[in-house]
Amino acid sequence: PLYGDMSSRVMGILEQFTPDVEVYSIDEAFLQ
């Protein structure tokens, strides 16, 4: 529950930098 919530927060921040975000795993994401 803690790791999943923290992951969601990180991914939410990444979406502020570009609309093209691919969540690859719980701790990494691709941005275009």
All heavy atoms as atom14 arrays in JSON, in Angstrom:
{
  "sequence": "PLYGDMSSRVMGILEQFTPDVEVYSIDEAFLQ",
  "atom14_mask": [
    [1, 1, 1, 1, 1, 1, 1, 0, 0, 0, 0, 0, 0, 0],
    [1, 1, 1, 1, 1, 1, 1, 1, 0, 0, 0, 0, 0, 0],
    [1, 1, 1, 1, 1, 1, 1, 1, 1, 1, 1, 1, 0, 0],
    [1, 1, 1, 1, 0, 0, 0, 0, 0, 0, 0, 0, 0, 0],
    [1, 1, 1, 1, 1, 1, 1, 1, 0, 0, 0, 0, 0, 0],
    [1, 1, 1, 1, 1, 1, 1, 1, 0, 0, 0, 0, 0, 0],
    [1, 1, 1, 1, 1, 1, 0, 0, 0, 0, 0, 0, 0, 0],
    [1, 1, 1, 1, 1, 1, 0, 0, 0, 0, 0, 0, 0, 0],
    [1, 1, 1, 1, 1, 1, 1, 1, 1, 1, 1, 0, 0, 0],
    [1, 1, 1, 1, 1, 1, 1, 0, 0, 0, 0, 0, 0, 0],
    [1, 1, 1, 1, 1, 1, 1, 1, 0, 0, 0, 0, 0, 0],
    [1, 1, 1, 1, 0, 0, 0, 0, 0, 0, 0, 0, 0, 0],
    [1, 1, 1, 1, 1, 1, 1, 1, 0, 0, 0, 0, 0, 0],
    [1, 1, 1, 1, 1, 1, 1, 1, 0, 0, 0, 0, 0, 0],
    [1, 1, 1, 1, 1, 1, 1, 1, 1, 0, 0, 0, 0, 0],
    [1, 1, 1, 1, 1, 1, 1, 1, 1, 0, 0, 0, 0, 0],
    [1, 1, 1, 1, 1, 1, 1, 1, 1, 1, 1, 0, 0, 0],
    [1, 1, 1, 1, 1, 1, 1, 0, 0, 0, 0, 0, 0, 0],
    [1, 1, 1, 1, 1, 1, 1, 0, 0, 0, 0, 0, 0, 0],
    [1, 1, 1, 1, 1, 1, 1, 1, 0, 0, 0, 0, 0, 0],
    [1, 1, 1, 1, 1, 1, 1, 0, 0, 0, 0, 0, 0, 0],
    [1, 1, 1, 1, 1, 1, 1, 1, 1, 0, 0, 0, 0, 0],
    [1, 1, 1, 1, 1, 1, 1, 0, 0, 0, 0, 0, 0, 0],
    [1, 1, 1, 1, 1, 1, 1, 1, 1, 1, 1, 1, 0, 0],
    [1, 1, 1, 1, 1, 1, 0, 0, 0, 0, 0, 0, 0, 0],
    [1, 1, 1, 1, 1, 1, 1, 1, 0, 0, 0, 0, 0, 0],
    [1, 1, 1, 1, 1, 1, 1, 1, 0, 0, 0, 0, 0, 0],
    [1, 1, 1, 1, 1, 1, 1, 1, 1, 0, 0, 0, 0, 0],
    [1, 1, 1, 1, 1, 0, 0, 0, 0, 0, 0, 0, 0, 0],
    [1, 1, 1, 1, 1, 1, 1, 1, 1, 1, 1, 0, 0, 0],
    [1, 1, 1, 1, 1, 1, 1, 1, 0, 0, 0, 0, 0, 0],
    [1, 1, 1, 1, 1, 1, 1, 1, 1, 0, 0, 0, 0, 0]
  ],
  "atom14_positions": [
    [[0.82, -1.23, 0.0], [0.0, 0.0, 0.0], [0.85, 1.27, 0.0], [0.53, 2.23, -0.71], [-0.83, -0.13, 1.28], [-0.93, -1.6, 1.52], [0.4, -2.16, 1.08], [0.0, 0.0, 0.0], [0.0, 0.0, 0.0], [0.0, 0.0, 0.0], [0.0, 0.0, 0.0], [0.0, 0.0, 0.0], [0.0, 0.0, 0.0], [0.0, 0.0, 0.0]],
    [[1.93, 1.28, 0.78], [2.82, 2.44, 0.82], [3.55, 2.6, -0.5], [3.58, 3.7, -1.07], [3.83, 2.29, 1.96], [4.93, 3.37, 2.04], [4.33, 4.74, 2.32], [5.96, 3.0, 3.11], [0.0, 0.0, 0.0], [0.0, 0.0, 0.0], [0.0, 0.0, 0.0], [0.0, 0.0, 0.0], [0.0, 0.0, 0.0], [0.0, 0.0, 0.0]],
    [[4.13, 1.51, -1.03], [4.89, 1.6, -2.27], [4.0, 2.0, -3.44], [4.39, 2.8, -4.29], [5.58, 0.26, -2.58], [6.43, -0.29, -1.45], [6.67, -1.66, -1.33], [6.99, 0.55, -0.5], [7.45, -2.16, -0.3], [7.77, 0.05, 0.54], [7.98, -1.31, 0.63], [8.74, -1.82, 1.67], [0.0, 0.0, 0.0], [0.0, 0.0, 0.0]],
    [[2.79, 1.44, -3.49], [1.87, 1.77, -4.57], [1.46, 3.23, -4.55], [1.38, 3.89, -5.59], [0.0, 0.0, 0.0], [0.0, 0.0, 0.0], [0.0, 0.0, 0.0], [0.0, 0.0, 0.0], [0.0, 0.0, 0.0], [0.0, 0.0, 0.0], [0.0, 0.0, 0.0], [0.0, 0.0, 0.0], [0.0, 0.0, 0.0], [0.0, 0.0, 0.0]],
    [[1.19, 3.77, -3.36], [0.79, 5.17, -3.24], [1.95, 6.1, -3.61], [1.74, 7.1, -4.31], [0.31, 5.46, -1.82], [-0.18, 6.89, -1.65], [-1.23, 7.22, -2.26], [0.48, 7.68, -0.96], [0.0, 0.0, 0.0], [0.0, 0.0, 0.0], [0.0, 0.0, 0.0], [0.0, 0.0, 0.0], [0.0, 0.0, 0.0], [0.0, 0.0, 0.0]],
    [[3.15, 5.78, -3.15], [4.31, 6.61, -3.49], [4.59, 6.56, -4.99], [4.97, 7.58, -5.59], [5.54, 6.15, -2.69], [5.42, 6.35, -1.19], [5.21, 8.08, -0.7], [6.83, 8.74, -1.06], [0.0, 0.0, 0.0], [0.0, 0.0, 0.0], [0.0, 0.0, 0.0], [0.0, 0.0, 0.0], [0.0, 0.0, 0.0], [0.0, 0.0, 0.0]],
    [[4.38, 5.4, -5.59], [4.55, 5.28, -7.03], [3.56, 6.17, -7.78], [3.93, 6.87, -8.73], [4.37, 3.83, -7.46], [4.4, 3.7, -8.87], [0.0, 0.0, 0.0], [0.0, 0.0, 0.0], [0.0, 0.0, 0.0], [0.0, 0.0, 0.0], [0.0, 0.0, 0.0], [0.0, 0.0, 0.0], [0.0, 0.0, 0.0], [0.0, 0.0, 0.0]],
    [[2.31, 6.18, -7.33], [1.29, 7.02, -7.96], [1.66, 8.5, -7.87], [1.43, 9.27, -8.81], [-0.07, 6.79, -7.31], [-0.52, 5.51, -7.49], [0.0, 0.0, 0.0], [0.0, 0.0, 0.0], [0.0, 0.0, 0.0], [0.0, 0.0, 0.0], [0.0, 0.0, 0.0], [0.0, 0.0, 0.0], [0.0, 0.0, 0.0], [0.0, 0.0, 0.0]],
    [[2.25, 8.91, -6.75], [2.66, 10.3, -6.58], [3.79, 10.67, -7.54], [3.78, 11.75, -8.13], [3.09, 10.55, -5.13], [1.97, 10.33, -4.12], [2.41, 10.64, -2.71], [1.35, 10.34, -1.75], [1.15, 10.98, -0.61], [1.94, 11.97, -0.26], [0.17, 10.63, 0.2], [0.0, 0.0, 0.0], [0.0, 0.0, 0.0], [0.0, 0.0, 0.0]],
    [[4.75, 9.74, -7.7], [5.86, 9.99, -8.62], [5.34, 10.1, -10.05], [5.71, 11.03, -10.78], [6.92, 8.88, -8.51], [7.96, 9.02, -9.62], [7.61, 8.91, -7.15], [0.0, 0.0, 0.0], [0.0, 0.0, 0.0], [0.0, 0.0, 0.0], [0.0, 0.0, 0.0], [0.0, 0.0, 0.0], [0.0, 0.0, 0.0], [0.0, 0.0, 0.0]],
    [[4.48, 9.17, -10.45], [3.95, 9.19, -11.82], [3.09, 10.43, -12.07], [3.08, 10.98, -13.18], [3.13, 7.91, -12.1], [3.92, 6.61, -11.9], [5.48, 6.59, -12.82], [6.34, 5.19, -12.06], [0.0, 0.0, 0.0], [0.0, 0.0, 0.0], [0.0, 0.0, 0.0], [0.0, 0.0, 0.0], [0.0, 0.0, 0.0], [0.0, 0.0, 0.0]],
    [[2.38, 10.87, -11.06], [1.59, 12.1, -11.19], [2.46, 13.31, -11.43], [2.09, 14.21, -12.21], [0.0, 0.0, 0.0], [0.0, 0.0, 0.0], [0.0, 0.0, 0.0], [0.0, 0.0, 0.0], [0.0, 0.0, 0.0], [0.0, 0.0, 0.0], [0.0, 0.0, 0.0], [0.0, 0.0, 0.0], [0.0, 0.0, 0.0], [0.0, 0.0, 0.0]],
    [[3.63, 13.35, -10.81], [4.57, 14.46, -11.03], [5.12, 14.41, -12.46], [5.24, 15.44, -13.13], [5.72, 14.4, -10.01], [5.18, 14.65, -8.59], [6.8, 15.41, -10.34], [6.19, 14.4, -7.49], [0.0, 0.0, 0.0], [0.0, 0.0, 0.0], [0.0, 0.0, 0.0], [0.0, 0.0, 0.0], [0.0, 0.0, 0.0], [0.0, 0.0, 0.0]],
    [[5.43, 13.22, -12.95], [5.97, 13.07, -14.29], [4.99, 13.57, -15.35], [5.4, 14.13, -16.37], [6.32, 11.6, -14.57], [7.48, 11.03, -13.75], [7.71, 9.56, -14.1], [8.76, 11.82, -13.96], [0.0, 0.0, 0.0], [0.0, 0.0, 0.0], [0.0, 0.0, 0.0], [0.0, 0.0, 0.0], [0.0, 0.0, 0.0], [0.0, 0.0, 0.0]],
    [[3.7, 13.39, -15.11], [2.69, 13.84, -16.05], [2.61, 15.36, -16.15], [2.0, 15.89, -17.07], [1.33, 13.26, -15.67], [1.23, 11.75, -15.88], [-0.05, 11.15, -15.34], [-0.81, 11.9, -14.67], [-0.3, 9.95, -15.56], [0.0, 0.0, 0.0], [0.0, 0.0, 0.0], [0.0, 0.0, 0.0], [0.0, 0.0, 0.0], [0.0, 0.0, 0.0]],
    [[3.25, 16.06, -15.21], [3.3, 17.52, -15.26], [4.35, 18.01, -16.26], [4.32, 19.18, -16.66], [3.61, 18.09, -13.87], [2.56, 17.76, -12.82], [2.96, 18.25, -11.45], [3.99, 18.9, -11.27], [2.15, 17.93, -10.44], [0.0, 0.0, 0.0], [0.0, 0.0, 0.0], [0.0, 0.0, 0.0], [0.0, 0.0, 0.0], [0.0, 0.0, 0.0]],
    [[5.25, 17.14, -16.66], [6.34, 17.55, -17.54], [6.09, 17.22, -19.01], [6.66, 17.84, -19.89], [7.65, 16.88, -17.08], [8.19, 17.45, -15.79], [7.82, 16.9, -14.58], [9.05, 18.53, -15.8], [8.31, 17.43, -13.38], [9.54, 19.07, -14.62], [9.16, 18.51, -13.4], [0.0, 0.0, 0.0], [0.0, 0.0, 0.0], [0.0, 0.0, 0.0]],
    [[5.25, 16.23, -19.27], [4.88, 15.87, -20.64], [3.6, 15.04, -20.61], [3.4, 14.26, -19.66], [6.0, 15.09, -21.35], [5.54, 14.67, -22.64], [6.41, 13.88, -20.56], [0.0, 0.0, 0.0], [0.0, 0.0, 0.0], [0.0, 0.0, 0.0], [0.0, 0.0, 0.0], [0.0, 0.0, 0.0], [0.0, 0.0, 0.0], [0.0, 0.0, 0.0]],
    [[2.74, 15.18, -21.61], [1.53, 14.37, -21.63], [1.77, 12.92, -22.03], [0.92, 12.06, -21.8], [0.65, 15.08, -22.66], [1.62, 15.77, -23.58], [2.78, 16.18, -22.7], [0.0, 0.0, 0.0], [0.0, 0.0, 0.0], [0.0, 0.0, 0.0], [0.0, 0.0, 0.0], [0.0, 0.0, 0.0], [0.0, 0.0, 0.0], [0.0, 0.0, 0.0]],
    [[2.94, 12.65, -22.61], [3.24, 11.31, -23.09], [4.09, 10.56, -22.07], [5.32, 10.65, -22.06], [3.97, 11.38, -24.43], [3.13, 12.06, -25.51], [1.97, 11.67, -25.69], [3.62, 13.01, -26.16], [0.0, 0.0, 0.0], [0.0, 0.0, 0.0], [0.0, 0.0, 0.0], [0.0, 0.0, 0.0], [0.0, 0.0, 0.0], [0.0, 0.0, 0.0]],
    [[3.42, 9.83, -21.19], [4.08, 9.07, -20.13], [3.64, 7.61, -20.22], [2.45, 7.31, -20.26], [3.74, 9.63, -18.73], [4.4, 8.78, -17.64], [4.19, 11.08, -18.61], [0.0, 0.0, 0.0], [0.0, 0.0, 0.0], [0.0, 0.0, 0.0], [0.0, 0.0, 0.0], [0.0, 0.0, 0.0], [0.0, 0.0, 0.0], [0.0, 0.0, 0.0]],
    [[4.6, 6.71, -20.24], [4.34, 5.28, -20.21], [4.87, 4.71, -18.9], [6.08, 4.64, -18.69], [5.01, 4.56, -21.39], [4.84, 3.04, -21.37], [5.75, 2.32, -22.34], [6.14, 2.94, -23.36], [6.1, 1.16, -22.08], [0.0, 0.0, 0.0], [0.0, 0.0, 0.0], [0.0, 0.0, 0.0], [0.0, 0.0, 0.0], [0.0, 0.0, 0.0]],
    [[3.97, 4.33, -18.0], [4.38, 3.72, -16.73], [4.87, 2.31, -17.03], [4.09, 1.43, -17.38], [3.22, 3.7, -15.72], [3.68, 3.04, -14.42], [2.7, 5.11, -15.47], [0.0, 0.0, 0.0], [0.0, 0.0, 0.0], [0.0, 0.0, 0.0], [0.0, 0.0, 0.0], [0.0, 0.0, 0.0], [0.0, 0.0, 0.0], [0.0, 0.0, 0.0]],
    [[6.16, 2.1, -16.91], [6.77, 0.83, -17.29], [6.73, -0.18, -16.15], [6.57, -1.38, -16.37], [8.2, 1.06, -17.76], [8.86, -0.17, -18.33], [8.42, -0.73, -19.53], [9.91, -0.79, -17.67], [9.01, -1.87, -20.05], [10.52, -1.92, -18.17], [10.07, -2.46, -19.37], [10.66, -3.59, -19.87], [0.0, 0.0, 0.0], [0.0, 0.0, 0.0]],
    [[6.9, 0.29, -14.93], [6.82, -0.56, -13.75], [6.49, 0.33, -12.56], [6.26, 1.53, -12.71], [8.13, -1.32, -13.53], [9.17, -0.43, -13.15], [0.0, 0.0, 0.0], [0.0, 0.0, 0.0], [0.0, 0.0, 0.0], [0.0, 0.0, 0.0], [0.0, 0.0, 0.0], [0.0, 0.0, 0.0], [0.0, 0.0, 0.0], [0.0, 0.0, 0.0]],
    [[6.47, -0.24, -11.38], [6.1, 0.52, -10.19], [7.08, 1.65, -9.91], [6.71, 2.67, -9.31], [5.99, -0.4, -8.95], [5.3, 0.33, -7.78], [7.35, -0.95, -8.55], [4.98, -0.56, -6.6], [0.0, 0.0, 0.0], [0.0, 0.0, 0.0], [0.0, 0.0, 0.0], [0.0, 0.0, 0.0], [0.0, 0.0, 0.0], [0.0, 0.0, 0.0]],
    [[8.32, 1.52, -10.39], [9.34, 2.52, -10.06], [10.01, 3.16, -11.26], [11.03, 3.85, -11.1], [10.4, 1.9, -9.14], [11.18, 0.78, -9.81], [10.72, 0.27, -10.86], [12.26, 0.42, -9.29], [0.0, 0.0, 0.0], [0.0, 0.0, 0.0], [0.0, 0.0, 0.0], [0.0, 0.0, 0.0], [0.0, 0.0, 0.0], [0.0, 0.0, 0.0]],
    [[9.48, 2.97, -12.46], [10.09, 3.61, -13.62], [9.05, 3.9, -14.7], [8.03, 3.23, -14.81], [11.23, 2.75, -14.2], [10.83, 1.37, -14.62], [12.03, 0.54, -15.1], [12.97, 1.13, -15.69], [12.0, -0.69, -14.93], [0.0, 0.0, 0.0], [0.0, 0.0, 0.0], [0.0, 0.0, 0.0], [0.0, 0.0, 0.0], [0.0, 0.0, 0.0]],
    [[9.34, 4.93, -15.48], [8.42, 5.35, -16.54], [9.21, 5.97, -17.69], [10.24, 6.62, -17.48], [7.4, 6.35, -16.0], [0.0, 0.0, 0.0], [0.0, 0.0, 0.0], [0.0, 0.0, 0.0], [0.0, 0.0, 0.0], [0.0, 0.0, 0.0], [0.0, 0.0, 0.0], [0.0, 0.0, 0.0], [0.0, 0.0, 0.0], [0.0, 0.0, 0.0]],
    [[8.69, 5.76, -18.9], [9.24, 6.42, -20.08], [8.48, 7.71, -20.34], [7.25, 7.77, -20.17], [9.12, 5.52, -21.32], [10.09, 4.37, -21.36], [9.68, 3.09, -21.05], [11.41, 4.59, -21.71], [10.57, 2.04, -21.1], [12.32, 3.54, -21.75], [11.9, 2.26, -21.44], [0.0, 0.0, 0.0], [0.0, 0.0, 0.0], [0.0, 0.0, 0.0]],
    [[9.2, 8.74, -20.77], [8.61, 10.0, -21.17], [9.01, 10.3, -22.6], [10.15, 10.04, -23.0], [9.08, 11.15, -20.27], [8.47, 11.32, -18.87], [8.85, 10.15, -17.97], [8.95, 12.62, -18.24], [0.0, 0.0, 0.0], [0.0, 0.0, 0.0], [0.0, 0.0, 0.0], [0.0, 0.0, 0.0], [0.0, 0.0, 0.0], [0.0, 0.0, 0.0]],
    [[8.09, 10.8, -23.39], [8.41, 11.22, -24.75], [8.23, 12.72, -24.87], [7.22, 13.28, -24.43], [7.52, 10.5, -25.77], [7.93, 10.76, -27.23], [7.15, 9.93, -28.22], [6.11, 9.36, -27.89], [7.65, 9.81, -29.44], [0.0, 0.0, 0.0], [0.0, 0.0, 0.0], [0.0, 0.0, 0.0], [0.0, 0.0, 0.0], [0.0, 0.0, 0.0]]
  ]
}
